[in-house]
């Protein structure tokens, strides 16, 4: 009997419905990076690369107490700055990006964080994701940050097939009004952290299980065929045959030969 095919999903209609349900599950839009202004959020988002928000929030109080504005951060002592942010990982490159970002803000934007995405992405350590975080959270402007959670859940829920974050962002932008881009991203991140875990999704607790094509599907399909070993199996050695030395055959001496030997030779 042929396996039942899952119904075809319309990505746009699916995105609209997911956004509606997320708004019910997470009525309050929350950015989990602690900040008081655009400069602090920009700095915290740079630190959040390859690091949890919880860890960043442990580091930023000391960071902002020591460097409260772009001018002080731009002239920071590198070793001191690295010491403060060390626990976030990749501290050397992050310190370089933080100081570079602060210097650019001072030199090009009079110490103010720009709101235009084209300006934001010219700052060291700032890509589209970070720029969209600042735009949507601080400036309340359209911006859909695509981090690992947003990309992962968008594919799981059937909203996109793209792997590239920029392609995911632009596709989702077409499905939702600009005012919903930021809230949608933040809610999807919360859903990914609290319900749709990367390895152990809680499908039985998910408000979207009935419309999710991945609900109940194992994250990693069981292996049905063991991969061939890369190690070569040594060829079986055929035991060498024992070489038995042949014993020369004994000469059979006849009576006639004995008599002949005994007869005297003619001279």
C-alpha atoms as a PDB file:
ATOM      1  CA  UNK A   1       0.000   0.000   0.000  1.00  0.00           C
ATOM      2  CA  UNK A   2       1.448   3.394  -0.998  1.00  0.00           C
ATOM      3  CA  UNK A   3       2.361   5.800   1.786  1.00  0.00           C
ATOM      4  CA  UNK A   4      -0.061   8.687   2.289  1.00  0.00           C
ATOM      5  CA  UNK A   5       1.373  11.944   0.969  1.00  0.00           C
ATOM      6  CA  UNK A   6       1.327  14.936   3.309  1.00  0.00           C
ATOM      7  CA  UNK A   7      -0.812  17.832   2.009  1.00  0.00           C
ATOM      8  CA  UNK A   8       1.017  20.510   0.048  1.00  0.00           C
ATOM      9  CA  UNK A   9       1.706  23.624   2.101  1.00  0.00           C
ATOM     10  CA  UNK A  10       1.221  27.162   0.831  1.00  0.00           C
ATOM     11  CA  UNK A  11       4.217  28.943   2.453  1.00  0.00           C
ATOM     12  CA  UNK A  12       2.508  32.343   2.555  1.00  0.00           C
ATOM     13  CA  UNK A  13      -0.718  31.088   4.147  1.00  0.00           C
ATOM     14  CA  UNK A  14       1.336  28.949   6.517  1.00  0.00           C
ATOM     15  CA  UNK A  15       3.462  31.938   7.593  1.00  0.00           C
ATOM     16  CA  UNK A  16       0.386  34.075   8.258  1.00  0.00           C
ATOM     17  CA  UNK A  17      -1.175  31.312  10.373  1.00  0.00           C
ATOM     18  CA  UNK A  18       2.066  30.653  12.284  1.00  0.00           C
ATOM     19  CA  UNK A  19       2.360  34.391  13.012  1.00  0.00           C
ATOM     20  CA  UNK A  20      -1.247  34.439  14.293  1.00  0.00           C
ATOM     21  CA  UNK A  21      -0.698  31.485  16.618  1.00  0.00           C
ATOM     22  CA  UNK A  22       2.650  32.793  17.881  1.00  0.00           C
ATOM     23  CA  UNK A  23       0.984  36.088  18.822  1.00  0.00           C
ATOM     24  CA  UNK A  24      -1.468  34.122  20.975  1.00  0.00           C
ATOM     25  CA  UNK A  25       1.247  32.005  22.608  1.00  0.00           C
ATOM     26  CA  UNK A  26       3.604  34.960  23.144  1.00  0.00           C
ATOM     27  CA  UNK A  27       1.460  38.114  23.412  1.00  0.00           C
ATOM     28  CA  UNK A  28       4.380  40.113  24.822  1.00  0.00           C
ATOM     29  CA  UNK A  29       7.236  40.649  22.392  1.00  0.00           C
ATOM     30  CA  UNK A  30      10.497  40.176  24.268  1.00  0.00           C
ATOM     31  CA  UNK A  31      14.108  40.758  23.272  1.00  0.00           C
ATOM     32  CA  UNK A  32      16.089  38.723  25.783  1.00  0.00           C
ATOM     33  CA  UNK A  33      19.246  40.836  25.496  1.00  0.00           C
ATOM     34  CA  UNK A  34      19.297  43.384  28.334  1.00  0.00           C
ATOM     35  CA  UNK A  35      19.785  46.964  27.106  1.00  0.00           C
ATOM     36  CA  UNK A  36      18.773  50.557  27.783  1.00  0.00           C
ATOM     37  CA  UNK A  37      19.471  52.153  24.406  1.00  0.00           C
ATOM     38  CA  UNK A  38      20.518  51.470  20.812  1.00  0.00           C
ATOM     39  CA  UNK A  39      24.248  51.533  21.600  1.00  0.00           C
ATOM     40  CA  UNK A  40      23.870  48.908  24.342  1.00  0.00           C
ATOM     41  CA  UNK A  41      21.697  46.639  22.200  1.00  0.00           C
ATOM     42  CA  UNK A  42      24.093  46.932  19.265  1.00  0.00           C
ATOM     43  CA  UNK A  43      27.042  46.017  21.513  1.00  0.00           C
ATOM     44  CA  UNK A  44      25.152  43.140  23.153  1.00  0.00           C
ATOM     45  CA  UNK A  45      24.088  41.722  19.785  1.00  0.00           C
ATOM     46  CA  UNK A  46      27.698  41.745  18.553  1.00  0.00           C
ATOM     47  CA  UNK A  47      28.652  39.805  21.691  1.00  0.00           C
ATOM     48  CA  UNK A  48      25.821  37.304  21.176  1.00  0.00           C
ATOM     49  CA  UNK A  49      27.493  35.695  18.146  1.00  0.00           C
ATOM     50  CA  UNK A  50      28.130  32.023  19.022  1.00  0.00           C
ATOM     51  CA  UNK A  51      27.001  32.752  22.580  1.00  0.00           C
ATOM     52  CA  UNK A  52      23.782  32.563  24.595  1.00  0.00           C
ATOM     53  CA  UNK A  53      21.816  35.670  25.542  1.00  0.00           C
ATOM     54  CA  UNK A  54      22.015  34.590  29.183  1.00  0.00           C
ATOM     55  CA  UNK A  55      25.829  34.646  29.083  1.00  0.00           C
ATOM     56  CA  UNK A  56      25.868  38.030  27.319  1.00  0.00           C
ATOM     57  CA  UNK A  57      23.549  39.447  30.001  1.00  0.00           C
ATOM     58  CA  UNK A  58      26.047  38.339  32.642  1.00  0.00           C
ATOM     59  CA  UNK A  59      28.842  40.271  30.915  1.00  0.00           C
ATOM     60  CA  UNK A  60      27.191  43.508  29.763  1.00  0.00           C
ATOM     61  CA  UNK A  61      26.621  45.162  33.178  1.00  0.00           C
ATOM     62  CA  UNK A  62      30.393  45.372  33.740  1.00  0.00           C
ATOM     63  CA  UNK A  63      30.984  46.277  30.085  1.00  0.00           C
ATOM     64  CA  UNK A  64      28.538  49.203  30.072  1.00  0.00           C
ATOM     65  CA  UNK A  65      29.657  50.403  33.491  1.00  0.00           C
ATOM     66  CA  UNK A  66      33.213  50.678  32.157  1.00  0.00           C
ATOM     67  CA  UNK A  67      32.322  51.852  28.621  1.00  0.00           C
ATOM     68  CA  UNK A  68      28.910  53.576  28.714  1.00  0.00           C
ATOM     69  CA  UNK A  69      29.128  55.232  25.290  1.00  0.00           C
ATOM     70  CA  UNK A  70      30.861  54.984  21.889  1.00  0.00           C
ATOM     71  CA  UNK A  71      33.591  57.509  22.859  1.00  0.00           C
ATOM     72  CA  UNK A  72      34.797  55.518  25.861  1.00  0.00           C
ATOM     73  CA  UNK A  73      34.556  52.179  24.012  1.00  0.00           C
ATOM     74  CA  UNK A  74      36.448  53.509  20.991  1.00  0.00           C
ATOM     75  CA  UNK A  75      39.431  54.401  23.195  1.00  0.00           C
ATOM     76  CA  UNK A  76      39.285  51.259  25.371  1.00  0.00           C
ATOM     77  CA  UNK A  77      42.370  49.338  26.426  1.00  0.00           C
ATOM     78  CA  UNK A  78      42.189  46.179  24.309  1.00  0.00           C
ATOM     79  CA  UNK A  79      43.463  43.795  26.986  1.00  0.00           C
ATOM     80  CA  UNK A  80      41.049  45.204  29.558  1.00  0.00           C
ATOM     81  CA  UNK A  81      38.125  44.948  27.154  1.00  0.00           C
ATOM     82  CA  UNK A  82      39.048  41.373  26.260  1.00  0.00           C
ATOM     83  CA  UNK A  83      39.154  40.487  29.936  1.00  0.00           C
ATOM     84  CA  UNK A  84      35.607  41.764  30.469  1.00  0.00           C
ATOM     85  CA  UNK A  85      34.072  39.904  27.505  1.00  0.00           C
ATOM     86  CA  UNK A  86      36.293  36.784  27.565  1.00  0.00           C
ATOM     87  CA  UNK A  87      33.543  34.409  28.708  1.00  0.00           C
ATOM     88  CA  UNK A  88      31.418  35.137  25.608  1.00  0.00           C
ATOM     89  CA  UNK A  89      33.971  33.365  23.409  1.00  0.00           C
ATOM     90  CA  UNK A  90      35.967  34.669  20.428  1.00  0.00           C
ATOM     91  CA  UNK A  91      36.811  37.603  22.679  1.00  0.00           C
ATOM     92  CA  UNK A  92      39.720  38.894  20.570  1.00  0.00           C
ATOM     93  CA  UNK A  93      37.659  39.359  17.391  1.00  0.00           C
ATOM     94  CA  UNK A  94      34.659  40.627  19.370  1.00  0.00           C
ATOM     95  CA  UNK A  95      36.794  43.236  21.156  1.00  0.00           C
ATOM     96  CA  UNK A  96      38.143  44.358  17.772  1.00  0.00           C
ATOM     97  CA  UNK A  97      34.605  44.619  16.357  1.00  0.00           C
ATOM     98  CA  UNK A  98      33.285  46.499  19.401  1.00  0.00           C
ATOM     99  CA  UNK A  99      36.051  49.084  19.257  1.00  0.00           C
ATOM    100  CA  UNK A 100      35.768  49.363  15.462  1.00  0.00           C
ATOM    101  CA  UNK A 101      31.998  49.810  15.694  1.00  0.00           C
ATOM    102  CA  UNK A 102      32.379  52.505  18.375  1.00  0.00           C
ATOM    103  CA  UNK A 103      35.045  54.339  16.366  1.00  0.00           C
ATOM    104  CA  UNK A 104      32.819  54.359  13.276  1.00  0.00           C
ATOM    105  CA  UNK A 105      29.878  55.692  15.302  1.00  0.00           C
ATOM    106  CA  UNK A 106      32.048  58.543  16.617  1.00  0.00           C
ATOM    107  CA  UNK A 107      33.704  59.400  13.303  1.00  0.00           C
ATOM    108  CA  UNK A 108      30.774  58.987  10.914  1.00  0.00           C
ATOM    109  CA  UNK A 109      27.561  59.292  12.932  1.00  0.00           C
ATOM    110  CA  UNK A 110      28.408  61.720  15.764  1.00  0.00           C
ATOM    111  CA  UNK A 111      28.197  58.881  18.296  1.00  0.00           C
ATOM    112  CA  UNK A 112      24.609  57.967  17.341  1.00  0.00           C
ATOM    113  CA  UNK A 113      23.531  54.524  16.171  1.00  0.00           C
ATOM    114  CA  UNK A 114      22.014  54.861  12.671  1.00  0.00           C
ATOM    115  CA  UNK A 115      18.599  53.387  11.985  1.00  0.00           C
ATOM    116  CA  UNK A 116      19.094  52.686   8.284  1.00  0.00           C
ATOM    117  CA  UNK A 117      20.058  49.080   7.540  1.00  0.00           C
ATOM    118  CA  UNK A 118      22.447  50.120   4.768  1.00  0.00           C
ATOM    119  CA  UNK A 119      24.366  52.216   7.311  1.00  0.00           C
ATOM    120  CA  UNK A 120      24.256  49.626  10.082  1.00  0.00           C
ATOM    121  CA  UNK A 121      25.807  46.854   7.988  1.00  0.00           C
ATOM    122  CA  UNK A 122      28.858  49.045   7.266  1.00  0.00           C
ATOM    123  CA  UNK A 123      29.841  48.900  10.955  1.00  0.00           C
ATOM    124  CA  UNK A 124      32.414  46.288  12.046  1.00  0.00           C
ATOM    125  CA  UNK A 125      30.783  43.122  13.376  1.00  0.00           C
ATOM    126  CA  UNK A 126      27.324  44.123  12.138  1.00  0.00           C
ATOM    127  CA  UNK A 127      25.455  42.054   9.548  1.00  0.00           C
ATOM    128  CA  UNK A 128      21.833  42.021   8.458  1.00  0.00           C
ATOM    129  CA  UNK A 129      20.731  40.006  11.493  1.00  0.00           C
ATOM    130  CA  UNK A 130      22.277  42.440  13.990  1.00  0.00           C
ATOM    131  CA  UNK A 131      21.093  45.463  11.997  1.00  0.00           C
ATOM    132  CA  UNK A 132      17.532  44.145  11.884  1.00  0.00           C
ATOM    133  CA  UNK A 133      17.575  43.460  15.632  1.00  0.00           C
ATOM    134  CA  UNK A 134      18.464  47.101  16.337  1.00  0.00           C
ATOM    135  CA  UNK A 135      15.977  48.456  13.775  1.00  0.00           C
ATOM    136  CA  UNK A 136      13.024  46.415  14.988  1.00  0.00           C
ATOM    137  CA  UNK A 137      13.638  46.472  18.749  1.00  0.00           C
ATOM    138  CA  UNK A 138      14.953  49.988  19.372  1.00  0.00           C
ATOM    139  CA  UNK A 139      13.652  52.031  16.454  1.00  0.00           C
ATOM    140  CA  UNK A 140      10.391  50.102  15.893  1.00  0.00           C
ATOM    141  CA  UNK A 141      11.168  49.907  12.180  1.00  0.00           C
ATOM    142  CA  UNK A 142      10.649  46.950   9.811  1.00  0.00           C
ATOM    143  CA  UNK A 143      13.360  44.360  10.297  1.00  0.00           C
ATOM    144  CA  UNK A 144      13.229  40.560  10.420  1.00  0.00           C
ATOM    145  CA  UNK A 145      16.377  39.147  12.047  1.00  0.00           C
ATOM    146  CA  UNK A 146      17.082  35.581  10.917  1.00  0.00           C
ATOM    147  CA  UNK A 147      19.188  33.781  13.500  1.00  0.00           C
ATOM    148  CA  UNK A 148      19.629  30.004  13.838  1.00  0.00           C
ATOM    149  CA  UNK A 149      16.242  29.623  15.573  1.00  0.00           C
ATOM    150  CA  UNK A 150      14.313  31.583  12.928  1.00  0.00           C
ATOM    151  CA  UNK A 151      15.985  29.724  10.064  1.00  0.00           C
ATOM    152  CA  UNK A 152      15.545  26.312  11.698  1.00  0.00           C
ATOM    153  CA  UNK A 153      11.881  26.785  12.625  1.00  0.00           C
ATOM    154  CA  UNK A 154      10.986  28.377   9.295  1.00  0.00           C
ATOM    155  CA  UNK A 155      12.152  25.202   7.563  1.00  0.00           C
ATOM    156  CA  UNK A 156      10.520  22.874  10.110  1.00  0.00           C
ATOM    157  CA  UNK A 157       7.182  24.655   9.794  1.00  0.00           C
ATOM    158  CA  UNK A 158       7.270  24.633   5.992  1.00  0.00           C
ATOM    159  CA  UNK A 159       7.623  28.400   5.569  1.00  0.00           C
ATOM    160  CA  UNK A 160      10.740  28.130   3.417  1.00  0.00           C
ATOM    161  CA  UNK A 161      13.213  25.649   1.987  1.00  0.00           C
ATOM    162  CA  UNK A 162      16.107  28.113   1.929  1.00  0.00           C
ATOM    163  CA  UNK A 163      19.217  27.627   4.068  1.00  0.00           C
ATOM    164  CA  UNK A 164      20.707  31.076   3.406  1.00  0.00           C
ATOM    165  CA  UNK A 165      19.559  33.557   6.116  1.00  0.00           C
ATOM    166  CA  UNK A 166      19.180  36.463   3.671  1.00  0.00           C
ATOM    167  CA  UNK A 167      16.960  34.406   1.353  1.00  0.00           C
ATOM    168  CA  UNK A 168      14.870  33.278   4.335  1.00  0.00           C
ATOM    169  CA  UNK A 169      14.502  36.907   5.479  1.00  0.00           C
ATOM    170  CA  UNK A 170      13.444  38.211   2.074  1.00  0.00           C
ATOM    171  CA  UNK A 171      10.981  35.367   1.523  1.00  0.00           C
ATOM    172  CA  UNK A 172       9.300  35.881   4.914  1.00  0.00           C
ATOM    173  CA  UNK A 173       9.226  39.646   4.316  1.00  0.00           C
ATOM    174  CA  UNK A 174       7.005  38.998   1.285  1.00  0.00           C
ATOM    175  CA  UNK A 175       4.479  37.109   3.420  1.00  0.00           C
ATOM    176  CA  UNK A 176       4.006  39.563   6.299  1.00  0.00           C
ATOM    177  CA  UNK A 177       3.487  43.334   6.635  1.00  0.00           C
ATOM    178  CA  UNK A 178       6.601  45.257   7.720  1.00  0.00           C
ATOM    179  CA  UNK A 179       5.125  46.068  11.126  1.00  0.00           C
ATOM    180  CA  UNK A 180       5.072  42.328  11.951  1.00  0.00           C
ATOM    181  CA  UNK A 181       8.597  41.430  10.840  1.00  0.00           C
ATOM    182  CA  UNK A 182      10.350  42.149  14.136  1.00  0.00           C
ATOM    183  CA  UNK A 183       7.664  40.712  16.460  1.00  0.00           C
ATOM    184  CA  UNK A 184       7.393  37.579  14.295  1.00  0.00           C
ATOM    185  CA  UNK A 185      11.150  36.974  14.528  1.00  0.00           C
ATOM    186  CA  UNK A 186      11.266  37.505  18.299  1.00  0.00           C
ATOM    187  CA  UNK A 187       8.285  35.203  18.891  1.00  0.00           C
ATOM    188  CA  UNK A 188       9.766  32.506  16.663  1.00  0.00           C
ATOM    189  CA  UNK A 189      13.012  32.731  18.668  1.00  0.00           C
ATOM    190  CA  UNK A 190      11.092  32.341  21.941  1.00  0.00           C
ATOM    191  CA  UNK A 191       9.186  29.375  20.515  1.00  0.00           C
ATOM    192  CA  UNK A 192      12.456  27.770  19.421  1.00  0.00           C
ATOM    193  CA  UNK A 193      13.990  28.184  22.868  1.00  0.00           C
ATOM    194  CA  UNK A 194      10.990  27.112  24.939  1.00  0.00           C
ATOM    195  CA  UNK A 195       9.102  24.606  22.808  1.00  0.00           C
ATOM    196  CA  UNK A 196      10.692  23.617  19.490  1.00  0.00           C
ATOM    197  CA  UNK A 197      14.106  22.569  20.741  1.00  0.00           C
ATOM    198  CA  UNK A 198      16.648  21.677  18.073  1.00  0.00           C
ATOM    199  CA  UNK A 199      17.167  18.104  19.322  1.00  0.00           C
ATOM    200  CA  UNK A 200      14.074  17.412  21.429  1.00  0.00           C
ATOM    201  CA  UNK A 201      11.086  19.374  20.125  1.00  0.00           C
ATOM    202  CA  UNK A 202       8.079  19.268  22.477  1.00  0.00           C
ATOM    203  CA  UNK A 203       5.522  18.507  19.770  1.00  0.00           C
ATOM    204  CA  UNK A 204       2.934  17.424  22.368  1.00  0.00           C
ATOM    205  CA  UNK A 205       3.065  20.938  23.873  1.00  0.00           C
ATOM    206  CA  UNK A 206       3.195  22.873  20.587  1.00  0.00           C
ATOM    207  CA  UNK A 207       0.273  25.061  19.535  1.00  0.00           C
ATOM    208  CA  UNK A 208       1.175  24.447  15.882  1.00  0.00           C
ATOM    209  CA  UNK A 209       1.556  20.661  15.901  1.00  0.00           C
ATOM    210  CA  UNK A 210      -1.589  20.183  13.789  1.00  0.00           C
ATOM    211  CA  UNK A 211      -0.231  22.312  10.928  1.00  0.00           C
ATOM    212  CA  UNK A 212       3.492  21.515  11.260  1.00  0.00           C
ATOM    213  CA  UNK A 213       4.828  19.063   8.636  1.00  0.00           C
ATOM    214  CA  UNK A 214       7.648  18.105  11.034  1.00  0.00           C
ATOM    215  CA  UNK A 215       5.472  17.284  14.060  1.00  0.00           C
ATOM    216  CA  UNK A 216       6.304  13.836  15.371  1.00  0.00           C
ATOM    217  CA  UNK A 217       9.034  13.332  12.803  1.00  0.00           C
ATOM    218  CA  UNK A 218      12.369  12.271  14.357  1.00  0.00           C
ATOM    219  CA  UNK A 219      14.944  15.039  14.189  1.00  0.00           C
ATOM    220  CA  UNK A 220      17.482  12.525  12.919  1.00  0.00           C
ATOM    221  CA  UNK A 221      16.063   9.655  10.904  1.00  0.00           C
ATOM    222  CA  UNK A 222      17.256   6.253  12.087  1.00  0.00           C
ATOM    223  CA  UNK A 223      20.046   4.764  10.047  1.00  0.00           C
ATOM    224  CA  UNK A 224      18.870   1.765   8.083  1.00  0.00           C
ATOM    225  CA  UNK A 225      22.160   0.899   6.504  1.00  0.00           C
ATOM    226  CA  UNK A 226      25.445   0.892   8.272  1.00  0.00           C
ATOM    227  CA  UNK A 227      28.003   2.923   6.342  1.00  0.00           C
ATOM    228  CA  UNK A 228      30.869   0.988   4.849  1.00  0.00           C
ATOM    229  CA  UNK A 229      33.954   1.056   6.995  1.00  0.00           C
ATOM    230  CA  UNK A 230      36.763   3.184   5.652  1.00  0.00           C
ATOM    231  CA  UNK A 231      39.306   0.714   6.996  1.00  0.00           C
ATOM    232  CA  UNK A 232      40.370  -1.953   4.565  1.00  0.00           C
ATOM    233  CA  UNK A 233      39.886  -5.518   5.762  1.00  0.00           C
ATOM    234  CA  UNK A 234      43.235  -7.247   5.584  1.00  0.00           C
ATOM    235  CA  UNK A 235      43.314 -10.122   3.143  1.00  0.00           C
ATOM    236  CA  UNK A 236      43.269 -13.554   4.736  1.00  0.00           C
ATOM    237  CA  UNK A 237      46.651 -15.138   4.731  1.00  0.00           C
ATOM    238  CA  UNK A 238      46.801 -18.584   3.169  1.00  0.00           C
ATOM    239  CA  UNK A 239      48.989 -20.724   5.391  1.00  0.00           C
ATOM    240  CA  UNK A 240      52.210 -21.655   3.628  1.00  0.00           C
ATOM    241  CA  UNK A 241      52.522 -25.291   2.627  1.00  0.00           C
ATOM    242  CA  UNK A 242      55.060 -27.301   4.521  1.00  0.00           C
ATOM    243  CA  UNK A 243      57.927 -28.211   2.283  1.00  0.00           C
ATOM    244  CA  UNK A 244      58.945 -31.727   3.169  1.00  0.00           C
ATOM    245  CA  UNK A 245      62.448 -32.688   2.063  1.00  0.00           C
ATOM    246  CA  UNK A 246      62.392 -35.803  -0.070  1.00  0.00           C
ATOM    247  CA  UNK A 247      64.480 -38.715   1.209  1.00  0.00           C
ATOM    248  CA  UNK A 248      66.418 -40.224  -1.694  1.00  0.00           C
ATOM    249  CA  UNK A 249      65.128 -43.680  -2.649  1.00  0.00           C
ATOM    250  CA  UNK A 250      67.281 -46.594  -1.516  1.00  0.00           C
ATOM    251  CA  UNK A 251      69.066 -48.505  -4.254  1.00  0.00           C
ATOM    252  CA  UNK A 252      67.932 -52.095  -4.639  1.00  0.00           C
ATOM    253  CA  UNK A 253      71.058 -54.274  -4.898  1.00  0.00           C
ATOM    254  CA  UNK A 254      70.501 -57.579  -6.754  1.00  0.00           C
ATOM    255  CA  UNK A 255      72.564 -60.791  -6.381  1.00  0.00           C
ATOM    256  CA  UNK A 256      73.783 -60.416  -9.962  1.00  0.00           C
ATOM    257  CA  UNK A 257      75.218 -56.970  -9.202  1.00  0.00           C
ATOM    258  CA  UNK A 258      77.023 -58.302  -6.134  1.00  0.00           C
ATOM    259  CA  UNK A 259      78.582 -61.142  -8.093  1.00  0.00           C
ATOM    260  CA  UNK A 260      79.688 -58.785 -10.849  1.00  0.00           C
ATOM    261  CA  UNK A 261      81.331 -56.480  -8.337  1.00  0.00           C
ATOM    262  CA  UNK A 262      83.200 -59.363  -6.728  1.00  0.00           C
ATOM    263  CA  UNK A 263      84.622 -60.767 -10.025  1.00  0.00           C
ATOM    264  CA  UNK A 264      88.315 -59.837 -10.676  1.00  0.00           C
ATOM    265  CA  UNK A 265      88.991 -57.280 -13.394  1.00  0.00           C
ATOM    266  CA  UNK A 266      90.688 -58.320 -16.575  1.00  0.00           C
ATOM    267  CA  UNK A 267      94.090 -56.896 -17.120  1.00  0.00           C
END
